[in-house]
Amino acid sequence: MPDQKKVATNFKFNLGDRVMIRNSAGMKGPIVELRGPLGPGGAQIYRVQFRRKPRGYIEVREDQLEIIPPVTDSSEEQGPG
């Protein structure tokens, strides 16, 4: 049986992560597809869905994205009282 090549799975972002696109006036949305190393020098490309009318998609390089931290409910952090 021939040796199988290992596929790199160390992506910086995952499907469903909410991200903001740098230098885009606050455009943000979830990652809906990992396109692979299609960018210059093998840069990872991600497909991001954004909410505008009509709803659309944009493909961007990994270095153009920033993760949006999950929202935490402040009422859960406070104790009783």
PDB file of N, CA and C in Angstrom:
ATOM      1  N   MET A   1       0.851  -1.175   0.000  1.00  0.00           N
ATOM      2  CA  MET A   1       0.000   0.000   0.000  1.00  0.00           C
ATOM      3  C   MET A   1       0.898   1.240   0.000  1.00  0.00           C
ATOM      4  N   PRO A   2       0.658   2.189  -0.918  1.00  0.00           N
ATOM      5  CA  PRO A   2       1.498   3.393  -0.973  1.00  0.00           C
ATOM      6  C   PRO A   2       1.270   4.285   0.255  1.00  0.00           C
ATOM      7  N   ASP A   3       2.313   5.030   0.609  1.00  0.00           N
ATOM      8  CA  ASP A   3       2.198   5.949   1.738  1.00  0.00           C
ATOM      9  C   ASP A   3       1.217   7.066   1.402  1.00  0.00           C
ATOM     10  N   GLN A   4       0.389   7.414   2.379  1.00  0.00           N
ATOM     11  CA  GLN A   4      -0.565   8.493   2.174  1.00  0.00           C
ATOM     12  C   GLN A   4       0.039   9.790   2.687  1.00  0.00           C
ATOM     13  N   LYS A   5      -0.204  10.865   1.957  1.00  0.00           N
ATOM     14  CA  LYS A   5       0.296  12.172   2.374  1.00  0.00           C
ATOM     15  C   LYS A   5      -0.579  12.707   3.498  1.00  0.00           C
ATOM     16  N   LYS A   6       0.050  13.342   4.468  1.00  0.00           N
ATOM     17  CA  LYS A   6      -0.704  13.966   5.555  1.00  0.00           C
ATOM     18  C   LYS A   6      -1.145  15.343   5.109  1.00  0.00           C
ATOM     19  N   VAL A   7      -2.375  15.665   5.400  1.00  0.00           N
ATOM     20  CA  VAL A   7      -2.924  16.970   5.062  1.00  0.00           C
ATOM     21  C   VAL A   7      -2.798  17.865   6.284  1.00  0.00           C
ATOM     22  N   ALA A   8      -2.315  19.084   6.073  1.00  0.00           N
ATOM     23  CA  ALA A   8      -2.174  20.021   7.190  1.00  0.00           C
ATOM     24  C   ALA A   8      -3.555  20.424   7.694  1.00  0.00           C
ATOM     25  N   THR A   9      -3.763  20.300   8.990  1.00  0.00           N
ATOM     26  CA  THR A   9      -5.057  20.659   9.570  1.00  0.00           C
ATOM     27  C   THR A   9      -4.907  21.728  10.642  1.00  0.00           C
ATOM     28  N   ASN A  10      -3.821  22.461  10.604  1.00  0.00           N
ATOM     29  CA  ASN A  10      -3.592  23.480  11.611  1.00  0.00           C
ATOM     30  C   ASN A  10      -4.073  24.842  11.111  1.00  0.00           C
ATOM     31  N   PHE A  11      -5.369  24.952  10.905  1.00  0.00           N
ATOM     32  CA  PHE A  11      -5.957  26.200  10.444  1.00  0.00           C
ATOM     33  C   PHE A  11      -6.092  27.155  11.618  1.00  0.00           C
ATOM     34  N   LYS A  12      -5.926  28.424  11.349  1.00  0.00           N
ATOM     35  CA  LYS A  12      -6.059  29.440  12.393  1.00  0.00           C
ATOM     36  C   LYS A  12      -7.528  29.637  12.753  1.00  0.00           C
ATOM     37  N   PHE A  13      -8.432  29.486  11.787  1.00  0.00           N
ATOM     38  CA  PHE A  13      -9.862  29.659  11.998  1.00  0.00           C
ATOM     39  C   PHE A  13     -10.581  28.368  11.622  1.00  0.00           C
ATOM     40  N   ASN A  14     -11.774  28.178  12.158  1.00  0.00           N
ATOM     41  CA  ASN A  14     -12.579  26.991  11.877  1.00  0.00           C
ATOM     42  C   ASN A  14     -13.927  27.392  11.293  1.00  0.00           C
ATOM     43  N   LEU A  15     -14.616  26.433  10.713  1.00  0.00           N
ATOM     44  CA  LEU A  15     -15.958  26.691  10.204  1.00  0.00           C
ATOM     45  C   LEU A  15     -16.848  27.196  11.326  1.00  0.00           C
ATOM     46  N   GLY A  16     -17.631  28.212  11.031  1.00  0.00           N
ATOM     47  CA  GLY A  16     -18.556  28.751  12.016  1.00  0.00           C
ATOM     48  C   GLY A  16     -17.982  29.857  12.874  1.00  0.00           C
ATOM     49  N   ASP A  17     -16.657  30.048  12.874  1.00  0.00           N
ATOM     50  CA  ASP A  17     -16.067  31.139  13.645  1.00  0.00           C
ATOM     51  C   ASP A  17     -16.562  32.467  13.100  1.00  0.00           C
ATOM     52  N   ARG A  18     -16.930  33.373  14.017  1.00  0.00           N
ATOM     53  CA  ARG A  18     -17.323  34.716  13.597  1.00  0.00           C
ATOM     54  C   ARG A  18     -16.066  35.561  13.512  1.00  0.00           C
ATOM     55  N   VAL A  19     -15.898  36.214  12.364  1.00  0.00           N
ATOM     56  CA  VAL A  19     -14.696  36.999  12.109  1.00  0.00           C
ATOM     57  C   VAL A  19     -15.060  38.375  11.579  1.00  0.00           C
ATOM     58  N   MET A  20     -14.109  39.294  11.716  1.00  0.00           N
ATOM     59  CA  MET A  20     -14.238  40.614  11.135  1.00  0.00           C
ATOM     60  C   MET A  20     -13.141  40.745  10.088  1.00  0.00           C
ATOM     61  N   ILE A  21     -13.478  41.338   8.964  1.00  0.00           N
ATOM     62  CA  ILE A  21     -12.519  41.521   7.881  1.00  0.00           C
ATOM     63  C   ILE A  21     -11.817  42.857   8.099  1.00  0.00           C
ATOM     64  N   ARG A  22     -10.493  42.818   8.219  1.00  0.00           N
ATOM     65  CA  ARG A  22      -9.716  44.036   8.448  1.00  0.00           C
ATOM     66  C   ARG A  22      -9.869  45.008   7.297  1.00  0.00           C
ATOM     67  N   ASN A  23      -9.842  46.283   7.610  1.00  0.00           N
ATOM     68  CA  ASN A  23      -9.918  47.365   6.616  1.00  0.00           C
ATOM     69  C   ASN A  23     -11.149  47.263   5.725  1.00  0.00           C
ATOM     70  N   SER A  24     -12.292  46.892   6.326  1.00  0.00           N
ATOM     71  CA  SER A  24     -13.514  46.756   5.525  1.00  0.00           C
ATOM     72  C   SER A  24     -14.689  47.502   6.142  1.00  0.00           C
ATOM     73  N   ALA A  25     -14.432  48.468   6.984  1.00  0.00           N
ATOM     74  CA  ALA A  25     -15.470  49.254   7.644  1.00  0.00           C
ATOM     75  C   ALA A  25     -16.390  48.382   8.487  1.00  0.00           C
ATOM     76  N   GLY A  26     -15.814  47.374   9.147  1.00  0.00           N
ATOM     77  CA  GLY A  26     -16.588  46.569  10.087  1.00  0.00           C
ATOM     78  C   GLY A  26     -17.355  45.408   9.493  1.00  0.00           C
ATOM     79  N   MET A  27     -17.046  44.987   8.282  1.00  0.00           N
ATOM     80  CA  MET A  27     -17.733  43.847   7.691  1.00  0.00           C
ATOM     81  C   MET A  27     -17.383  42.590   8.488  1.00  0.00           C
ATOM     82  N   LYS A  28     -18.408  41.860   8.919  1.00  0.00           N
ATOM     83  CA  LYS A  28     -18.163  40.657   9.710  1.00  0.00           C
ATOM     84  C   LYS A  28     -19.192  39.595   9.395  1.00  0.00           C
ATOM     85  N   GLY A  29     -18.861  38.370   9.775  1.00  0.00           N
ATOM     86  CA  GLY A  29     -19.759  37.253   9.540  1.00  0.00           C
ATOM     87  C   GLY A  29     -19.076  35.941   9.867  1.00  0.00           C
ATOM     88  N   PRO A  30     -19.792  34.830   9.690  1.00  0.00           N
ATOM     89  CA  PRO A  30     -19.212  33.517   9.985  1.00  0.00           C
ATOM     90  C   PRO A  30     -18.419  32.966   8.805  1.00  0.00           C
ATOM     91  N   ILE A  31     -17.427  32.137   9.125  1.00  0.00           N
ATOM     92  CA  ILE A  31     -16.693  31.419   8.088  1.00  0.00           C
ATOM     93  C   ILE A  31     -17.559  30.248   7.649  1.00  0.00           C
ATOM     94  N   VAL A  32     -17.818  30.138   6.360  1.00  0.00           N
ATOM     95  CA  VAL A  32     -18.693  29.081   5.855  1.00  0.00           C
ATOM     96  C   VAL A  32     -17.950  28.052   5.002  1.00  0.00           C
ATOM     97  N   GLU A  33     -16.695  28.358   4.635  1.00  0.00           N
ATOM     98  CA  GLU A  33     -15.945  27.388   3.827  1.00  0.00           C
ATOM     99  C   GLU A  33     -14.452  27.642   3.978  1.00  0.00           C
ATOM    100  N   LEU A  34     -13.699  26.558   4.101  1.00  0.00           N
ATOM    101  CA  LEU A  34     -12.245  26.628   4.091  1.00  0.00           C
ATOM    102  C   LEU A  34     -11.818  26.260   2.675  1.00  0.00           C
ATOM    103  N   ARG A  35     -11.283  27.222   1.925  1.00  0.00           N
ATOM    104  CA  ARG A  35     -10.982  26.991   0.514  1.00  0.00           C
ATOM    105  C   ARG A  35      -9.633  26.317   0.303  1.00  0.00           C
ATOM    106  N   GLY A  36      -8.723  26.476   1.251  1.00  0.00           N
ATOM    107  CA  GLY A  36      -7.423  25.830   1.114  1.00  0.00           C
ATOM    108  C   GLY A  36      -6.315  26.813   0.825  1.00  0.00           C
ATOM    109  N   PRO A  37      -5.116  26.301   0.538  1.00  0.00           N
ATOM    110  CA  PRO A  37      -3.944  27.156   0.318  1.00  0.00           C
ATOM    111  C   PRO A  37      -3.898  27.716  -1.096  1.00  0.00           C
ATOM    112  N   LEU A  38      -4.854  28.567  -1.420  1.00  0.00           N
ATOM    113  CA  LEU A  38      -4.963  29.094  -2.780  1.00  0.00           C
ATOM    114  C   LEU A  38      -4.362  30.485  -2.944  1.00  0.00           C
ATOM    115  N   GLY A  39      -3.973  31.106  -1.846  1.00  0.00           N
ATOM    116  CA  GLY A  39      -3.449  32.471  -1.887  1.00  0.00           C
ATOM    117  C   GLY A  39      -1.982  32.514  -2.254  1.00  0.00           C
ATOM    118  N   PRO A  40      -1.442  33.722  -2.347  1.00  0.00           N
ATOM    119  CA  PRO A  40      -0.027  33.888  -2.668  1.00  0.00           C
ATOM    120  C   PRO A  40       0.859  33.194  -1.635  1.00  0.00           C
ATOM    121  N   GLY A  41       1.804  32.417  -2.084  1.00  0.00           N
ATOM    122  CA  GLY A  41       2.702  31.707  -1.182  1.00  0.00           C
ATOM    123  C   GLY A  41       2.008  30.621  -0.375  1.00  0.00           C
ATOM    124  N   GLY A  42       0.860  30.148  -0.829  1.00  0.00           N
ATOM    125  CA  GLY A  42       0.147  29.092  -0.123  1.00  0.00           C
ATOM    126  C   GLY A  42      -0.700  29.584   1.029  1.00  0.00           C
ATOM    127  N   ALA A  43      -1.053  30.866   1.044  1.00  0.00           N
ATOM    128  CA  ALA A  43      -1.885  31.427   2.115  1.00  0.00           C
ATOM    129  C   ALA A  43      -3.275  30.793   2.089  1.00  0.00           C
ATOM    130  N   GLN A  44      -3.802  30.488   3.289  1.00  0.00           N
ATOM    131  CA  GLN A  44      -5.130  29.891   3.398  1.00  0.00           C
ATOM    132  C   GLN A  44      -6.198  30.910   2.995  1.00  0.00           C
ATOM    133  N   ILE A  45      -7.199  30.434   2.273  1.00  0.00           N
ATOM    134  CA  ILE A  45      -8.315  31.272   1.845  1.00  0.00           C
ATOM    135  C   ILE A  45      -9.577  30.777   2.542  1.00  0.00           C
ATOM    136  N   TYR A  46     -10.359  31.721   3.061  1.00  0.00           N
ATOM    137  CA  TYR A  46     -11.607  31.414   3.759  1.00  0.00           C
ATOM    138  C   TYR A  46     -12.754  32.128   3.060  1.00  0.00           C
ATOM    139  N   ARG A  47     -13.923  31.492   3.058  1.00  0.00           N
ATOM    140  CA  ARG A  47     -15.120  32.121   2.515  1.00  0.00           C
ATOM    141  C   ARG A  47     -15.965  32.587   3.689  1.00  0.00           C
ATOM    142  N   VAL A  48     -16.289  33.880   3.708  1.00  0.00           N
ATOM    143  CA  VAL A  48     -17.035  34.489   4.806  1.00  0.00           C
ATOM    144  C   VAL A  48     -18.373  34.986   4.265  1.00  0.00           C
ATOM    145  N   GLN A  49     -19.434  34.685   4.997  1.00  0.00           N
ATOM    146  CA  GLN A  49     -20.769  35.160   4.631  1.00  0.00           C
ATOM    147  C   GLN A  49     -21.003  36.477   5.350  1.00  0.00           C
ATOM    148  N   PHE A  50     -21.461  37.494   4.624  1.00  0.00           N
ATOM    149  CA  PHE A  50     -21.751  38.756   5.274  1.00  0.00           C
ATOM    150  C   PHE A  50     -23.211  39.122   5.050  1.00  0.00           C
ATOM    151  N   ARG A  51     -23.742  39.895   5.990  1.00  0.00           N
ATOM    152  CA  ARG A  51     -25.161  40.221   5.974  1.00  0.00           C
ATOM    153  C   ARG A  51     -25.363  41.614   5.402  1.00  0.00           C
ATOM    154  N   ARG A  52     -25.672  41.641   4.197  1.00  0.00           N
ATOM    155  CA  ARG A  52     -26.102  42.858   3.519  1.00  0.00           C
ATOM    156  C   ARG A  52     -27.168  42.417   2.558  1.00  0.00           C
ATOM    157  N   LYS A  53     -27.899  43.343   2.014  1.00  0.00           N
ATOM    158  CA  LYS A  53     -28.932  42.952   1.065  1.00  0.00           C
ATOM    159  C   LYS A  53     -28.403  43.195  -0.329  1.00  0.00           C
ATOM    160  N   PRO A  54     -28.339  42.204  -1.175  1.00  0.00           N
ATOM    161  CA  PRO A  54     -28.586  40.790  -0.901  1.00  0.00           C
ATOM    162  C   PRO A  54     -27.431  40.181  -0.112  1.00  0.00           C
ATOM    163  N   ARG A  55     -27.712  39.090   0.578  1.00  0.00           N
ATOM    164  CA  ARG A  55     -26.689  38.389   1.356  1.00  0.00           C
ATOM    165  C   ARG A  55     -25.608  37.905   0.404  1.00  0.00           C
ATOM    166  N   GLY A  56     -24.370  38.036   0.833  1.00  0.00           N
ATOM    167  CA  GLY A  56     -23.289  37.666  -0.061  1.00  0.00           C
ATOM    168  C   GLY A  56     -22.155  36.964   0.645  1.00  0.00           C
ATOM    169  N   TYR A  57     -21.160  36.627  -0.143  1.00  0.00           N
ATOM    170  CA  TYR A  57     -19.983  35.938   0.339  1.00  0.00           C
ATOM    171  C   TYR A  57     -18.757  36.661  -0.180  1.00  0.00           C
ATOM    172  N   ILE A  58     -17.661  36.522   0.556  1.00  0.00           N
ATOM    173  CA  ILE A  58     -16.399  37.081   0.109  1.00  0.00           C
ATOM    174  C   ILE A  58     -15.307  36.095   0.502  1.00  0.00           C
ATOM    175  N   GLU A  59     -14.312  35.954  -0.344  1.00  0.00           N
ATOM    176  CA  GLU A  59     -13.188  35.067  -0.054  1.00  0.00           C
ATOM    177  C   GLU A  59     -11.989  35.934   0.291  1.00  0.00           C
ATOM    178  N   VAL A  60     -11.372  35.654   1.445  1.00  0.00           N
ATOM    179  CA  VAL A  60     -10.267  36.468   1.921  1.00  0.00           C
ATOM    180  C   VAL A  60      -9.132  35.588   2.435  1.00  0.00           C
ATOM    181  N   ARG A  61      -7.937  36.165   2.473  1.00  0.00           N
ATOM    182  CA  ARG A  61      -6.778  35.471   3.028  1.00  0.00           C
ATOM    183  C   ARG A  61      -6.871  35.441   4.542  1.00  0.00           C
ATOM    184  N   GLU A  62      -6.169  34.491   5.130  1.00  0.00           N
ATOM    185  CA  GLU A  62      -6.156  34.314   6.575  1.00  0.00           C
ATOM    186  C   GLU A  62      -5.662  35.568   7.302  1.00  0.00           C
ATOM    187  N   ASP A  63      -4.677  36.255   6.739  1.00  0.00           N
ATOM    188  CA  ASP A  63      -4.122  37.427   7.410  1.00  0.00           C
ATOM    189  C   ASP A  63      -5.029  38.648   7.340  1.00  0.00           C
ATOM    190  N   GLN A  64      -6.150  38.557   6.631  1.00  0.00           N
ATOM    191  CA  GLN A  64      -7.096  39.654   6.543  1.00  0.00           C
ATOM    192  C   GLN A  64      -8.254  39.503   7.527  1.00  0.00           C
ATOM    193  N   LEU A  65      -8.206  38.472   8.367  1.00  0.00           N
ATOM    194  CA  LEU A  65      -9.308  38.199   9.288  1.00  0.00           C
ATOM    195  C   LEU A  65      -8.894  38.380  10.737  1.00  0.00           C
ATOM    196  N   GLU A  66      -9.852  38.795  11.554  1.00  0.00           N
ATOM    197  CA  GLU A  66      -9.691  38.870  13.006  1.00  0.00           C
ATOM    198  C   GLU A  66     -10.865  38.139  13.630  1.00  0.00           C
ATOM    199  N   ILE A  67     -10.587  37.300  14.628  1.00  0.00           N
ATOM    200  CA  ILE A  67     -11.645  36.557  15.300  1.00  0.00           C
ATOM    201  C   ILE A  67     -12.448  37.515  16.187  1.00  0.00           C
ATOM    202  N   ILE A  68     -13.763  37.317  16.224  1.00  0.00           N
ATOM    203  CA  ILE A  68     -14.622  38.078  17.128  1.00  0.00           C
ATOM    204  C   ILE A  68     -14.841  37.209  18.350  1.00  0.00           C
ATOM    205  N   PRO A  69     -14.443  37.681  19.537  1.00  0.00           N
ATOM    206  CA  PRO A  69     -14.619  36.847  20.730  1.00  0.00           C
ATOM    207  C   PRO A  69     -16.097  36.599  21.013  1.00  0.00           C
ATOM    208  N   PRO A  70     -16.432  35.422  21.543  1.00  0.00           N
ATOM    209  CA  PRO A  70     -17.832  35.133  21.841  1.00  0.00           C
ATOM    210  C   PRO A  70     -18.373  36.079  22.897  1.00  0.00           C
ATOM    211  N   VAL A  71     -19.639  36.416  22.775  1.00  0.00           N
ATOM    212  CA  VAL A  71     -20.291  37.315  23.714  1.00  0.00           C
ATOM    213  C   VAL A  71     -20.612  36.546  24.986  1.00  0.00           C
ATOM    214  N   THR A  72     -20.223  37.108  26.120  1.00  0.00           N
ATOM    215  CA  THR A  72     -20.579  36.486  27.395  1.00  0.00           C
ATOM    216  C   THR A  72     -21.648  37.328  28.060  1.00  0.00           C
ATOM    217  N   ASP A  73     -22.595  36.668  28.683  1.00  0.00           N
ATOM    218  CA  ASP A  73     -23.683  37.350  29.365  1.00  0.00           C
ATOM    219  C   ASP A  73     -23.179  37.805  30.730  1.00  0.00           C
ATOM    220  N   SER A  74     -23.166  39.111  30.969  1.00  0.00           N
ATOM    221  CA  SER A  74     -22.629  39.640  32.222  1.00  0.00           C
ATOM    222  C   SER A  74     -23.475  39.243  33.429  1.00  0.00           C
ATOM    223  N   SER A  75     -24.749  38.927  33.229  1.00  0.00           N
ATOM    224  CA  SER A  75     -25.601  38.539  34.356  1.00  0.00           C
ATOM    225  C   SER A  75     -25.192  37.159  34.899  1.00  0.00           C
ATOM    226  N   GLU A  76     -24.585  36.310  34.059  1.00  0.00           N
ATOM    227  CA  GLU A  76     -24.141  35.009  34.511  1.00  0.00           C
ATOM    228  C   GLU A  76     -22.893  35.125  35.375  1.00  0.00           C
ATOM    229  N   GLU A  77     -22.077  36.151  35.136  1.00  0.00           N
ATOM    230  CA  GLU A  77     -20.844  36.325  35.868  1.00  0.00           C
ATOM    231  C   GLU A  77     -21.082  36.830  37.284  1.00  0.00           C
ATOM    232  N   GLN A  78     -22.164  37.567  37.486  1.00  0.00           N
ATOM    233  CA  GLN A  78     -22.449  38.114  38.795  1.00  0.00           C
ATOM    234  C   GLN A  78     -23.116  37.067  39.671  1.00  0.00           C
ATOM    235  N   GLY A  79     -22.787  37.094  40.916  1.00  0.00           N
ATOM    236  CA  GLY A  79     -23.386  36.158  41.857  1.00  0.00           C
ATOM    237  C   GLY A  79     -24.763  36.616  42.283  1.00  0.00           C
ATOM    238  N   PRO A  80     -25.425  35.858  43.141  1.00  0.00           N
ATOM    239  CA  PRO A  80     -26.755  36.256  43.607  1.00  0.00           C
ATOM    240  C   PRO A  80     -26.673  37.529  44.444  1.00  0.00           C
ATOM    241  N   GLY A  81     -27.701  38.311  44.336  1.00  0.00           N
ATOM    242  CA  GLY A  81     -27.704  39.482  45.201  1.00  0.00           C
ATOM    243  C   GLY A  81     -28.154  40.657  44.530  1.00  0.00           C
TER     244      GLY A  81
END
